[in-house]
Amino acid sequence: MTSNIAESLNAANLAARELRALIQQWTYTNRKKASKTTTFFTPTAEKKLVNNFVDSLTKNVKPINESMFEVVELTRSWVINLKEKICSCNRFQIDELPCAHALVVIKEMNLNVYN
């Protein structure tokens, strides 16, 4: 009687075990694919980053201290704190992506944009 109950429970759990194995396989496959890609952003975020980079080409950097910089373009200027990830334009904080002003500083400091 006991072995019949155990066999019945095992048969009922078979579908759940197969589903778990399938999910584990998908997770492993997707994680492996993700680790091979060089981009860390979605295509939309990557496009925004490229546009910000193009916009950054016309700006100049003046260091204030180790983590703060002033970015100047003609008559306008912005203050960037790389350590705190803050820009006076507020795009860095809102988008959580480096704005054009932060990208100028990152490029000037020879840092990796994705870090």
PDB file of N, CA and C in Angstrom:
ATOM      1  N   MET A   1       0.825  -1.193   0.000  1.00  0.00           N
ATOM      2  CA  MET A   1       0.000   0.000   0.000  1.00  0.00           C
ATOM      3  C   MET A   1       0.874   1.265   0.000  1.00  0.00           C
ATOM      4  N   THR A   2       1.941   1.261   0.821  1.00  0.00           N
ATOM      5  CA  THR A   2       2.808   2.434   0.927  1.00  0.00           C
ATOM      6  C   THR A   2       3.537   2.699  -0.380  1.00  0.00           C
ATOM      7  N   SER A   3       4.043   1.647  -1.040  1.00  0.00           N
ATOM      8  CA  SER A   3       4.773   1.862  -2.291  1.00  0.00           C
ATOM      9  C   SER A   3       3.842   2.377  -3.383  1.00  0.00           C
ATOM     10  N   ASN A   4       2.574   1.987  -3.373  1.00  0.00           N
ATOM     11  CA  ASN A   4       1.618   2.494  -4.352  1.00  0.00           C
ATOM     12  C   ASN A   4       1.397   4.001  -4.189  1.00  0.00           C
ATOM     13  N   ILE A   5       1.326   4.461  -2.937  1.00  0.00           N
ATOM     14  CA  ILE A   5       1.152   5.894  -2.672  1.00  0.00           C
ATOM     15  C   ILE A   5       2.390   6.653  -3.136  1.00  0.00           C
ATOM     16  N   ALA A   6       3.585   6.129  -2.832  1.00  0.00           N
ATOM     17  CA  ALA A   6       4.830   6.781  -3.244  1.00  0.00           C
ATOM     18  C   ALA A   6       4.919   6.849  -4.764  1.00  0.00           C
ATOM     19  N   GLU A   7       4.560   5.788  -5.444  1.00  0.00           N
ATOM     20  CA  GLU A   7       4.586   5.786  -6.905  1.00  0.00           C
ATOM     21  C   GLU A   7       3.571   6.783  -7.465  1.00  0.00           C
ATOM     22  N   SER A   8       2.430   6.887  -6.834  1.00  0.00           N
ATOM     23  CA  SER A   8       1.417   7.843  -7.287  1.00  0.00           C
ATOM     24  C   SER A   8       1.912   9.275  -7.134  1.00  0.00           C
ATOM     25  N   LEU A   9       2.557   9.579  -5.996  1.00  0.00           N
ATOM     26  CA  LEU A   9       3.097  10.921  -5.774  1.00  0.00           C
ATOM     27  C   LEU A   9       4.233  11.228  -6.754  1.00  0.00           C
ATOM     28  N   ASN A  10       5.095  10.257  -6.987  1.00  0.00           N
ATOM     29  CA  ASN A  10       6.186  10.458  -7.958  1.00  0.00           C
ATOM     30  C   ASN A  10       5.637  10.728  -9.348  1.00  0.00           C
ATOM     31  N   ALA A  11       4.601  10.017  -9.744  1.00  0.00           N
ATOM     32  CA  ALA A  11       3.997  10.226 -11.054  1.00  0.00           C
ATOM     33  C   ALA A  11       3.368  11.622 -11.142  1.00  0.00           C
ATOM     34  N   ALA A  12       2.777  12.073 -10.044  1.00  0.00           N
ATOM     35  CA  ALA A  12       2.158  13.400 -10.030  1.00  0.00           C
ATOM     36  C   ALA A  12       3.224  14.501 -10.100  1.00  0.00           C
ATOM     37  N   ASN A  13       4.379  14.261  -9.512  1.00  0.00           N
ATOM     38  CA  ASN A  13       5.460  15.250  -9.490  1.00  0.00           C
ATOM     39  C   ASN A  13       6.320  15.219 -10.747  1.00  0.00           C
ATOM     40  N   LEU A  14       6.118  14.249 -11.595  1.00  0.00           N
ATOM     41  CA  LEU A  14       6.944  14.105 -12.794  1.00  0.00           C
ATOM     42  C   LEU A  14       6.870  15.345 -13.684  1.00  0.00           C
ATOM     43  N   ALA A  15       5.686  15.873 -13.909  1.00  0.00           N
ATOM     44  CA  ALA A  15       5.525  17.057 -14.760  1.00  0.00           C
ATOM     45  C   ALA A  15       6.248  18.258 -14.153  1.00  0.00           C
ATOM     46  N   ALA A  16       6.158  18.413 -12.857  1.00  0.00           N
ATOM     47  CA  ALA A  16       6.835  19.531 -12.187  1.00  0.00           C
ATOM     48  C   ALA A  16       8.352  19.392 -12.300  1.00  0.00           C
ATOM     49  N   ARG A  17       8.876  18.187 -12.152  1.00  0.00           N
ATOM     50  CA  ARG A  17      10.326  17.970 -12.284  1.00  0.00           C
ATOM     51  C   ARG A  17      10.795  18.250 -13.706  1.00  0.00           C
ATOM     52  N   GLU A  18      10.010  17.821 -14.689  1.00  0.00           N
ATOM     53  CA  GLU A  18      10.377  18.072 -16.084  1.00  0.00           C
ATOM     54  C   GLU A  18      10.352  19.568 -16.394  1.00  0.00           C
ATOM     55  N   LEU A  19       9.364  20.271 -15.861  1.00  0.00           N
ATOM     56  CA  LEU A  19       9.287  21.715 -16.067  1.00  0.00           C
ATOM     57  C   LEU A  19      10.484  22.414 -15.420  1.00  0.00           C
ATOM     58  N   ARG A  20      10.853  21.997 -14.232  1.00  0.00           N
ATOM     59  CA  ARG A  20      12.007  22.593 -13.556  1.00  0.00           C
ATOM     60  C   ARG A  20      13.286  22.350 -14.362  1.00  0.00           C
ATOM     61  N   ALA A  21      13.447  21.165 -14.889  1.00  0.00           N
ATOM     62  CA  ALA A  21      14.630  20.854 -15.703  1.00  0.00           C
ATOM     63  C   ALA A  21      14.663  21.723 -16.951  1.00  0.00           C
ATOM     64  N   LEU A  22      13.502  21.940 -17.567  1.00  0.00           N
ATOM     65  CA  LEU A  22      13.415  22.775 -18.755  1.00  0.00           C
ATOM     66  C   LEU A  22      13.787  24.228 -18.428  1.00  0.00           C
ATOM     67  N   ILE A  23      13.297  24.747 -17.316  1.00  0.00           N
ATOM     68  CA  ILE A  23      13.605  26.120 -16.907  1.00  0.00           C
ATOM     69  C   ILE A  23      15.105  26.257 -16.604  1.00  0.00           C
ATOM     70  N   GLN A  24      15.689  25.272 -15.954  1.00  0.00           N
ATOM     71  CA  GLN A  24      17.123  25.300 -15.673  1.00  0.00           C
ATOM     72  C   GLN A  24      17.926  25.325 -16.980  1.00  0.00           C
ATOM     73  N   GLN A  25      17.493  24.546 -17.952  1.00  0.00           N
ATOM     74  CA  GLN A  25      18.183  24.509 -19.243  1.00  0.00           C
ATOM     75  C   GLN A  25      18.071  25.865 -19.940  1.00  0.00           C
ATOM     76  N   TRP A  26      16.895  26.480 -19.946  1.00  0.00           N
ATOM     77  CA  TRP A  26      16.710  27.796 -20.563  1.00  0.00           C
ATOM     78  C   TRP A  26      17.586  28.838 -19.863  1.00  0.00           C
ATOM     79  N   THR A  27      17.599  28.814 -18.545  1.00  0.00           N
ATOM     80  CA  THR A  27      18.397  29.774 -17.781  1.00  0.00           C
ATOM     81  C   THR A  27      19.871  29.631 -18.115  1.00  0.00           C
ATOM     82  N   TYR A  28      20.352  28.406 -18.149  1.00  0.00           N
ATOM     83  CA  TYR A  28      21.756  28.166 -18.477  1.00  0.00           C
ATOM     84  C   TYR A  28      22.084  28.672 -19.887  1.00  0.00           C
ATOM     85  N   THR A  29      21.227  28.350 -20.842  1.00  0.00           N
ATOM     86  CA  THR A  29      21.453  28.758 -22.231  1.00  0.00           C
ATOM     87  C   THR A  29      21.453  30.278 -22.364  1.00  0.00           C
ATOM     88  N   ASN A  30      20.470  30.946 -21.764  1.00  0.00           N
ATOM     89  CA  ASN A  30      20.378  32.411 -21.863  1.00  0.00           C
ATOM     90  C   ASN A  30      21.534  33.095 -21.145  1.00  0.00           C
ATOM     91  N   ARG A  31      21.945  32.568 -20.002  1.00  0.00           N
ATOM     92  CA  ARG A  31      23.078  33.149 -19.275  1.00  0.00           C
ATOM     93  C   ARG A  31      24.355  33.005 -20.089  1.00  0.00           C
ATOM     94  N   LYS A  32      24.502  31.872 -20.765  1.00  0.00           N
ATOM     95  CA  LYS A  32      25.679  31.641 -21.597  1.00  0.00           C
ATOM     96  C   LYS A  32      25.695  32.610 -22.780  1.00  0.00           C
ATOM     97  N   LYS A  33      24.530  32.817 -23.414  1.00  0.00           N
ATOM     98  CA  LYS A  33      24.439  33.764 -24.526  1.00  0.00           C
ATOM     99  C   LYS A  33      24.729  35.183 -24.049  1.00  0.00           C
ATOM    100  N   ALA A  34      24.198  35.551 -22.896  1.00  0.00           N
ATOM    101  CA  ALA A  34      24.382  36.909 -22.375  1.00  0.00           C
ATOM    102  C   ALA A  34      25.838  37.177 -22.029  1.00  0.00           C
ATOM    103  N   SER A  35      26.547  36.179 -21.560  1.00  0.00           N
ATOM    104  CA  SER A  35      27.951  36.388 -21.191  1.00  0.00           C
ATOM    105  C   SER A  35      28.836  36.561 -22.419  1.00  0.00           C
ATOM    106  N   LYS A  36      28.384  36.095 -23.574  1.00  0.00           N
ATOM    107  CA  LYS A  36      29.159  36.229 -24.804  1.00  0.00           C
ATOM    108  C   LYS A  36      28.998  37.599 -25.439  1.00  0.00           C
ATOM    109  N   THR A  37      27.900  38.300 -25.164  1.00  0.00           N
ATOM    110  CA  THR A  37      27.671  39.588 -25.803  1.00  0.00           C
ATOM    111  C   THR A  37      28.556  40.644 -25.163  1.00  0.00           C
ATOM    112  N   THR A  38      28.980  41.631 -25.958  1.00  0.00           N
ATOM    113  CA  THR A  38      29.853  42.678 -25.457  1.00  0.00           C
ATOM    114  C   THR A  38      29.080  43.871 -24.951  1.00  0.00           C
ATOM    115  N   THR A  39      27.848  44.034 -25.340  1.00  0.00           N
ATOM    116  CA  THR A  39      27.076  45.173 -24.890  1.00  0.00           C
ATOM    117  C   THR A  39      26.342  44.834 -23.600  1.00  0.00           C
ATOM    118  N   PHE A  40      26.218  45.823 -22.740  1.00  0.00           N
ATOM    119  CA  PHE A  40      25.579  45.617 -21.451  1.00  0.00           C
ATOM    120  C   PHE A  40      24.213  46.282 -21.393  1.00  0.00           C
ATOM    121  N   PHE A  41      23.834  46.965 -22.459  1.00  0.00           N
ATOM    122  CA  PHE A  41      22.598  47.719 -22.477  1.00  0.00           C
ATOM    123  C   PHE A  41      21.627  47.135 -23.487  1.00  0.00           C
ATOM    124  N   THR A  42      20.381  47.522 -23.340  1.00  0.00           N
ATOM    125  CA  THR A  42      19.384  47.159 -24.340  1.00  0.00           C
ATOM    126  C   THR A  42      19.687  47.933 -25.624  1.00  0.00           C
ATOM    127  N   PRO A  43      19.151  47.510 -26.756  1.00  0.00           N
ATOM    128  CA  PRO A  43      19.405  48.257 -28.001  1.00  0.00           C
ATOM    129  C   PRO A  43      18.986  49.728 -27.913  1.00  0.00           C
ATOM    130  N   THR A  44      17.879  50.014 -27.223  1.00  0.00           N
ATOM    131  CA  THR A  44      17.434  51.400 -27.073  1.00  0.00           C
ATOM    132  C   THR A  44      18.423  52.203 -26.251  1.00  0.00           C
ATOM    133  N   ALA A  45      18.881  51.630 -25.152  1.00  0.00           N
ATOM    134  CA  ALA A  45      19.849  52.325 -24.298  1.00  0.00           C
ATOM    135  C   ALA A  45      21.180  52.487 -25.023  1.00  0.00           C
ATOM    136  N   GLU A  46      21.568  51.476 -25.780  1.00  0.00           N
ATOM    137  CA  GLU A  46      22.821  51.555 -26.544  1.00  0.00           C
ATOM    138  C   GLU A  46      22.736  52.680 -27.582  1.00  0.00           C
ATOM    139  N   LYS A  47      21.589  52.825 -28.234  1.00  0.00           N
ATOM    140  CA  LYS A  47      21.396  53.886 -29.226  1.00  0.00           C
ATOM    141  C   LYS A  47      21.483  55.262 -28.556  1.00  0.00           C
ATOM    142  N   LYS A  48      20.863  55.379 -27.378  1.00  0.00           N
ATOM    143  CA  LYS A  48      20.919  56.639 -26.640  1.00  0.00           C
ATOM    144  C   LYS A  48      22.357  56.963 -26.243  1.00  0.00           C
ATOM    145  N   LEU A  49      23.112  55.946 -25.843  1.00  0.00           N
ATOM    146  CA  LEU A  49      24.509  56.127 -25.464  1.00  0.00           C
ATOM    147  C   LEU A  49      25.341  56.600 -26.658  1.00  0.00           C
ATOM    148  N   VAL A  50      25.096  56.029 -27.817  1.00  0.00           N
ATOM    149  CA  VAL A  50      25.815  56.437 -29.035  1.00  0.00           C
ATOM    150  C   VAL A  50      25.464  57.885 -29.383  1.00  0.00           C
ATOM    151  N   ASN A  51      24.191  58.242 -29.294  1.00  0.00           N
ATOM    152  CA  ASN A  51      23.781  59.624 -29.569  1.00  0.00           C
ATOM    153  C   ASN A  51      24.436  60.595 -28.587  1.00  0.00           C
ATOM    154  N   ASN A  52      24.495  60.206 -27.309  1.00  0.00           N
ATOM    155  CA  ASN A  52      25.166  61.038 -26.306  1.00  0.00           C
ATOM    156  C   ASN A  52      26.646  61.184 -26.625  1.00  0.00           C
ATOM    157  N   PHE A  53      27.259  60.109 -27.108  1.00  0.00           N
ATOM    158  CA  PHE A  53      28.672  60.166 -27.453  1.00  0.00           C
ATOM    159  C   PHE A  53      28.915  61.135 -28.610  1.00  0.00           C
ATOM    160  N   VAL A  54      28.068  61.078 -29.632  1.00  0.00           N
ATOM    161  CA  VAL A  54      28.192  61.992 -30.775  1.00  0.00           C
ATOM    162  C   VAL A  54      28.038  63.432 -30.294  1.00  0.00           C
ATOM    163  N   ASP A  55      27.074  63.668 -29.404  1.00  0.00           N
ATOM    164  CA  ASP A  55      26.853  65.003 -28.862  1.00  0.00           C
ATOM    165  C   ASP A  55      28.045  65.472 -28.014  1.00  0.00           C
ATOM    166  N   SER A  56      28.756  64.539 -27.415  1.00  0.00           N
ATOM    167  CA  SER A  56      29.871  64.895 -26.531  1.00  0.00           C
ATOM    168  C   SER A  56      31.102  65.380 -27.281  1.00  0.00           C
ATOM    169  N   LEU A  57      31.168  65.146 -28.576  1.00  0.00           N
ATOM    170  CA  LEU A  57      32.371  65.472 -29.346  1.00  0.00           C
ATOM    171  C   LEU A  57      32.647  66.969 -29.439  1.00  0.00           C
ATOM    172  N   THR A  58      31.654  67.801 -29.174  1.00  0.00           N
ATOM    173  CA  THR A  58      31.834  69.258 -29.287  1.00  0.00           C
ATOM    174  C   THR A  58      32.095  69.925 -27.944  1.00  0.00           C
ATOM    175  N   LYS A  59      32.307  69.164 -26.895  1.00  0.00           N
ATOM    176  CA  LYS A  59      32.445  69.718 -25.545  1.00  0.00           C
ATOM    177  C   LYS A  59      33.878  69.576 -25.027  1.00  0.00           C
ATOM    178  N   ASN A  60      34.264  70.475 -24.120  1.00  0.00           N
ATOM    179  CA  ASN A  60      35.593  70.458 -23.511  1.00  0.00           C
ATOM    180  C   ASN A  60      35.479  70.217 -22.011  1.00  0.00           C
ATOM    181  N   VAL A  61      36.528  69.632 -21.437  1.00  0.00           N
ATOM    182  CA  VAL A  61      36.526  69.268 -20.019  1.00  0.00           C
ATOM    183  C   VAL A  61      37.538  70.114 -19.258  1.00  0.00           C
ATOM    184  N   LYS A  62      37.115  70.562 -18.062  1.00  0.00           N
ATOM    185  CA  LYS A  62      38.012  71.245 -17.128  1.00  0.00           C
ATOM    186  C   LYS A  62      37.893  70.529 -15.786  1.00  0.00           C
ATOM    187  N   PRO A  63      38.989  69.940 -15.287  1.00  0.00           N
ATOM    188  CA  PRO A  63      38.896  69.246 -14.000  1.00  0.00           C
ATOM    189  C   PRO A  63      38.720  70.220 -12.833  1.00  0.00           C
ATOM    190  N   ILE A  64      37.906  69.824 -11.875  1.00  0.00           N
ATOM    191  CA  ILE A  64      37.728  70.588 -10.640  1.00  0.00           C
ATOM    192  C   ILE A  64      38.512  69.903  -9.524  1.00  0.00           C
ATOM    193  N   ASN A  65      38.314  68.592  -9.365  1.00  0.00           N
ATOM    194  CA  ASN A  65      39.113  67.749  -8.466  1.00  0.00           C
ATOM    195  C   ASN A  65      39.133  66.336  -9.047  1.00  0.00           C
ATOM    196  N   GLU A  66      39.454  65.324  -8.244  1.00  0.00           N
ATOM    197  CA  GLU A  66      39.604  63.963  -8.768  1.00  0.00           C
ATOM    198  C   GLU A  66      38.317  63.386  -9.351  1.00  0.00           C
ATOM    199  N   SER A  67      37.175  63.779  -8.800  1.00  0.00           N
ATOM    200  CA  SER A  67      35.917  63.185  -9.268  1.00  0.00           C
ATOM    201  C   SER A  67      34.946  64.201  -9.870  1.00  0.00           C
ATOM    202  N   MET A  68      35.258  65.482  -9.768  1.00  0.00           N
ATOM    203  CA  MET A  68      34.359  66.511 -10.297  1.00  0.00           C
ATOM    204  C   MET A  68      35.018  67.239 -11.465  1.00  0.00           C
ATOM    205  N   PHE A  69      34.188  67.510 -12.478  1.00  0.00           N
ATOM    206  CA  PHE A  69      34.674  68.139 -13.692  1.00  0.00           C
ATOM    207  C   PHE A  69      33.650  69.146 -14.185  1.00  0.00           C
ATOM    208  N   GLU A  70      34.133  70.149 -14.903  1.00  0.00           N
ATOM    209  CA  GLU A  70      33.257  71.095 -15.568  1.00  0.00           C
ATOM    210  C   GLU A  70      33.355  70.844 -17.065  1.00  0.00           C
ATOM    211  N   VAL A  71      32.219  70.684 -17.701  1.00  0.00           N
ATOM    212  CA  VAL A  71      32.176  70.483 -19.147  1.00  0.00           C
ATOM    213  C   VAL A  71      31.634  71.771 -19.760  1.00  0.00           C
ATOM    214  N   VAL A  72      32.362  72.286 -20.753  1.00  0.00           N
ATOM    215  CA  VAL A  72      32.025  73.574 -21.352  1.00  0.00           C
ATOM    216  C   VAL A  72      31.749  73.400 -22.841  1.00  0.00           C
ATOM    217  N   GLU A  73      30.688  74.074 -23.288  1.00  0.00           N
ATOM    218  CA  GLU A  73      30.385  74.149 -24.714  1.00  0.00           C
ATOM    219  C   GLU A  73      29.914  75.570 -25.000  1.00  0.00           C
ATOM    220  N   LEU A  74      30.706  76.314 -25.729  1.00  0.00           N
ATOM    221  CA  LEU A  74      30.442  77.715 -26.042  1.00  0.00           C
ATOM    222  C   LEU A  74      30.176  78.515 -24.756  1.00  0.00           C
ATOM    223  N   THR A  75      28.948  78.932 -24.520  1.00  0.00           N
ATOM    224  CA  THR A  75      28.642  79.751 -23.343  1.00  0.00           C
ATOM    225  C   THR A  75      27.996  78.969 -22.210  1.00  0.00           C
ATOM    226  N   ARG A  76      27.780  77.691 -22.389  1.00  0.00           N
ATOM    227  CA  ARG A  76      27.122  76.862 -21.358  1.00  0.00           C
ATOM    228  C   ARG A  76      28.127  75.964 -20.675  1.00  0.00           C
ATOM    229  N   SER A  77      27.827  75.592 -19.431  1.00  0.00           N
ATOM    230  CA  SER A  77      28.703  74.658 -18.716  1.00  0.00           C
ATOM    231  C   SER A  77      27.874  73.779 -17.782  1.00  0.00           C
ATOM    232  N   TRP A  78      28.404  72.601 -17.506  1.00  0.00           N
ATOM    233  CA  TRP A  78      27.757  71.631 -16.634  1.00  0.00           C
ATOM    234  C   TRP A  78      28.800  71.064 -15.684  1.00  0.00           C
ATOM    235  N   VAL A  79      28.380  70.696 -14.490  1.00  0.00           N
ATOM    236  CA  VAL A  79      29.282  70.094 -13.512  1.00  0.00           C
ATOM    237  C   VAL A  79      28.931  68.623 -13.382  1.00  0.00           C
ATOM    238  N   ILE A  80      29.969  67.783 -13.477  1.00  0.00           N
ATOM    239  CA  ILE A  80      29.780  66.334 -13.407  1.00  0.00           C
ATOM    240  C   ILE A  80      30.574  65.802 -12.227  1.00  0.00           C
ATOM    241  N   ASN A  81      29.922  64.948 -11.431  1.00  0.00           N
ATOM    242  CA  ASN A  81      30.601  64.226 -10.357  1.00  0.00           C
ATOM    243  C   ASN A  81      30.558  62.749 -10.748  1.00  0.00           C
ATOM    244  N   LEU A  82      31.682  62.243 -11.246  1.00  0.00           N
ATOM    245  CA  LEU A  82      31.714  60.844 -11.709  1.00  0.00           C
ATOM    246  C   LEU A  82      31.550  59.861 -10.568  1.00  0.00           C
ATOM    247  N   LYS A  83      32.110  60.188  -9.413  1.00  0.00           N
ATOM    248  CA  LYS A  83      32.039  59.272  -8.269  1.00  0.00           C
ATOM    249  C   LYS A  83      30.592  59.045  -7.839  1.00  0.00           C
ATOM    250  N   GLU A  84      29.796  60.114  -7.825  1.00  0.00           N
ATOM    251  CA  GLU A  84      28.390  60.032  -7.410  1.00  0.00           C
ATOM    252  C   GLU A  84      27.440  59.788  -8.588  1.00  0.00           C
ATOM    253  N   LYS A  85      27.978  59.810  -9.818  1.00  0.00           N
ATOM    254  CA  LYS A  85      27.183  59.655 -11.042  1.00  0.00           C
ATOM    255  C   LYS A  85      26.090  60.730 -11.129  1.00  0.00           C
ATOM    256  N   ILE A  86      26.549  61.986 -11.015  1.00  0.00           N
ATOM    257  CA  ILE A  86      25.639  63.127 -11.028  1.00  0.00           C
ATOM    258  C   ILE A  86      26.123  64.132 -12.068  1.00  0.00           C
ATOM    259  N   CYS A  87      25.177  64.687 -12.813  1.00  0.00           N
ATOM    260  CA  CYS A  87      25.464  65.774 -13.755  1.00  0.00           C
ATOM    261  C   CYS A  87      24.447  66.882 -13.499  1.00  0.00           C
ATOM    262  N   SER A  88      24.863  68.117 -13.672  1.00  0.00           N
ATOM    263  CA  SER A  88      23.947  69.238 -13.424  1.00  0.00           C
ATOM    264  C   SER A  88      22.816  69.296 -14.457  1.00  0.00           C
ATOM    265  N   CYS A  89      22.923  68.563 -15.559  1.00  0.00           N
ATOM    266  CA  CYS A  89      21.813  68.503 -16.528  1.00  0.00           C
ATOM    267  C   CYS A  89      20.727  67.526 -16.065  1.00  0.00           C
ATOM    268  N   ASN A  90      21.041  66.699 -15.076  1.00  0.00           N
ATOM    269  CA  ASN A  90      20.137  65.704 -14.481  1.00  0.00           C
ATOM    270  C   ASN A  90      19.845  64.499 -15.372  1.00  0.00           C
ATOM    271  N   ARG A  91      20.350  64.441 -16.593  1.00  0.00           N
ATOM    272  CA  ARG A  91      20.104  63.289 -17.463  1.00  0.00           C
ATOM    273  C   ARG A  91      20.814  62.048 -16.951  1.00  0.00           C
ATOM    274  N   PHE A  92      22.005  62.242 -16.370  1.00  0.00           N
ATOM    275  CA  PHE A  92      22.775  61.114 -15.843  1.00  0.00           C
ATOM    276  C   PHE A  92      21.980  60.401 -14.750  1.00  0.00           C
ATOM    277  N   GLN A  93      21.322  61.175 -13.889  1.00  0.00           N
ATOM    278  CA  GLN A  93      20.553  60.597 -12.797  1.00  0.00           C
ATOM    279  C   GLN A  93      19.229  60.009 -13.287  1.00  0.00           C
ATOM    280  N   ILE A  94      18.572  60.695 -14.204  1.00  0.00           N
ATOM    281  CA  ILE A  94      17.246  60.257 -14.669  1.00  0.00           C
ATOM    282  C   ILE A  94      17.353  58.997 -15.525  1.00  0.00           C
ATOM    283  N   ASP A  95      18.230  59.030 -16.531  1.00  0.00           N
ATOM    284  CA  ASP A  95      18.366  57.902 -17.451  1.00  0.00           C
ATOM    285  C   ASP A  95      19.179  56.760 -16.867  1.00  0.00           C
ATOM    286  N   GLU A  96      19.997  57.072 -15.868  1.00  0.00           N
ATOM    287  CA  GLU A  96      20.951  56.115 -15.312  1.00  0.00           C
ATOM    288  C   GLU A  96      21.906  55.609 -16.390  1.00  0.00           C
ATOM    289  N   LEU A  97      22.152  56.469 -17.372  1.00  0.00           N
ATOM    290  CA  LEU A  97      23.132  56.263 -18.432  1.00  0.00           C
ATOM    291  C   LEU A  97      24.001  57.510 -18.467  1.00  0.00           C
ATOM    292  N   PRO A  98      25.260  57.376 -18.832  1.00  0.00           N
ATOM    293  CA  PRO A  98      26.089  58.571 -18.934  1.00  0.00           C
ATOM    294  C   PRO A  98      25.531  59.535 -19.982  1.00  0.00           C
ATOM    295  N   CYS A  99      25.307  60.774 -19.574  1.00  0.00           N
ATOM    296  CA  CYS A  99      24.868  61.804 -20.511  1.00  0.00           C
ATOM    297  C   CYS A  99      26.071  62.236 -21.351  1.00  0.00           C
ATOM    298  N   ALA A 100      25.843  63.125 -22.308  1.00  0.00           N
ATOM    299  CA  ALA A 100      26.925  63.587 -23.181  1.00  0.00           C
ATOM    300  C   ALA A 100      28.044  64.236 -22.378  1.00  0.00           C
ATOM    301  N   HIS A 101      27.680  64.958 -21.318  1.00  0.00           N
ATOM    302  CA  HIS A 101      28.680  65.644 -20.491  1.00  0.00           C
ATOM    303  C   HIS A 101      29.544  64.637 -19.732  1.00  0.00           C
ATOM    304  N   ALA A 102      28.901  63.602 -19.193  1.00  0.00           N
ATOM    305  CA  ALA A 102      29.650  62.562 -18.480  1.00  0.00           C
ATOM    306  C   ALA A 102      30.529  61.774 -19.447  1.00  0.00           C
ATOM    307  N   LEU A 103      30.043  61.560 -20.665  1.00  0.00           N
ATOM    308  CA  LEU A 103      30.832  60.818 -21.654  1.00  0.00           C
ATOM    309  C   LEU A 103      32.108  61.558 -22.040  1.00  0.00           C
ATOM    310  N   VAL A 104      32.052  62.888 -22.075  1.00  0.00           N
ATOM    311  CA  VAL A 104      33.259  63.666 -22.359  1.00  0.00           C
ATOM    312  C   VAL A 104      34.303  63.399 -21.281  1.00  0.00           C
ATOM    313  N   VAL A 105      33.854  63.410 -20.042  1.00  0.00           N
ATOM    314  CA  VAL A 105      34.765  63.176 -18.914  1.00  0.00           C
ATOM    315  C   VAL A 105      35.294  61.750 -18.943  1.00  0.00           C
ATOM    316  N   ILE A 106      34.415  60.784 -19.183  1.00  0.00           N
ATOM    317  CA  ILE A 106      34.820  59.375 -19.243  1.00  0.00           C
ATOM    318  C   ILE A 106      35.853  59.173 -20.341  1.00  0.00           C
ATOM    319  N   LYS A 107      35.624  59.786 -21.494  1.00  0.00           N
ATOM    320  CA  LYS A 107      36.564  59.679 -22.616  1.00  0.00           C
ATOM    321  C   LYS A 107      37.897  60.341 -22.256  1.00  0.00           C
ATOM    322  N   GLU A 108      37.836  61.500 -21.619  1.00  0.00           N
ATOM    323  CA  GLU A 108      39.042  62.236 -21.233  1.00  0.00           C
ATOM    324  C   GLU A 108      39.876  61.455 -20.212  1.00  0.00           C
ATOM    325  N   MET A 109      39.188  60.740 -19.327  1.00  0.00           N
ATOM    326  CA  MET A 109      39.869  59.967 -18.269  1.00  0.00           C
ATOM    327  C   MET A 109      40.274  58.566 -18.742  1.00  0.00           C
ATOM    328  N   ASN A 110      39.941  58.218 -19.995  1.00  0.00           N
ATOM    329  CA  ASN A 110      40.218  56.893 -20.547  1.00  0.00           C
ATOM    330  C   ASN A 110      39.591  55.772 -19.719  1.00  0.00           C
ATOM    331  N   LEU A 111      38.355  55.988 -19.300  1.00  0.00           N
ATOM    332  CA  LEU A 111      37.610  54.994 -18.533  1.00  0.00           C
ATOM    333  C   LEU A 111      36.679  54.230 -19.447  1.00  0.00           C
ATOM    334  N   ASN A 112      36.221  53.083 -18.983  1.00  0.00           N
ATOM    335  CA  ASN A 112      35.283  52.257 -19.736  1.00  0.00           C
ATOM    336  C   ASN A 112      33.870  52.763 -19.489  1.00  0.00           C
ATOM    337  N   VAL A 113      33.149  53.076 -20.552  1.00  0.00           N
ATOM    338  CA  VAL A 113      31.782  53.600 -20.451  1.00  0.00           C
ATOM    339  C   VAL A 113      30.869  52.611 -19.736  1.00  0.00           C
ATOM    340  N   TYR A 114      31.064  51.336 -19.959  1.00  0.00           N
ATOM    341  CA  TYR A 114      30.172  50.311 -19.402  1.00  0.00           C
ATOM    342  C   TYR A 114      30.403  50.070 -17.919  1.00  0.00           C
ATOM    343  N   ASN A 115      31.519  50.523 -17.391  1.00  0.00           N
ATOM    344  CA  ASN A 115      31.753  50.387 -15.948  1.00  0.00           C
ATOM    345  C   ASN A 115      31.107  51.519 -15.203  1.00  0.00           C
TER     346      ASN A 115
END
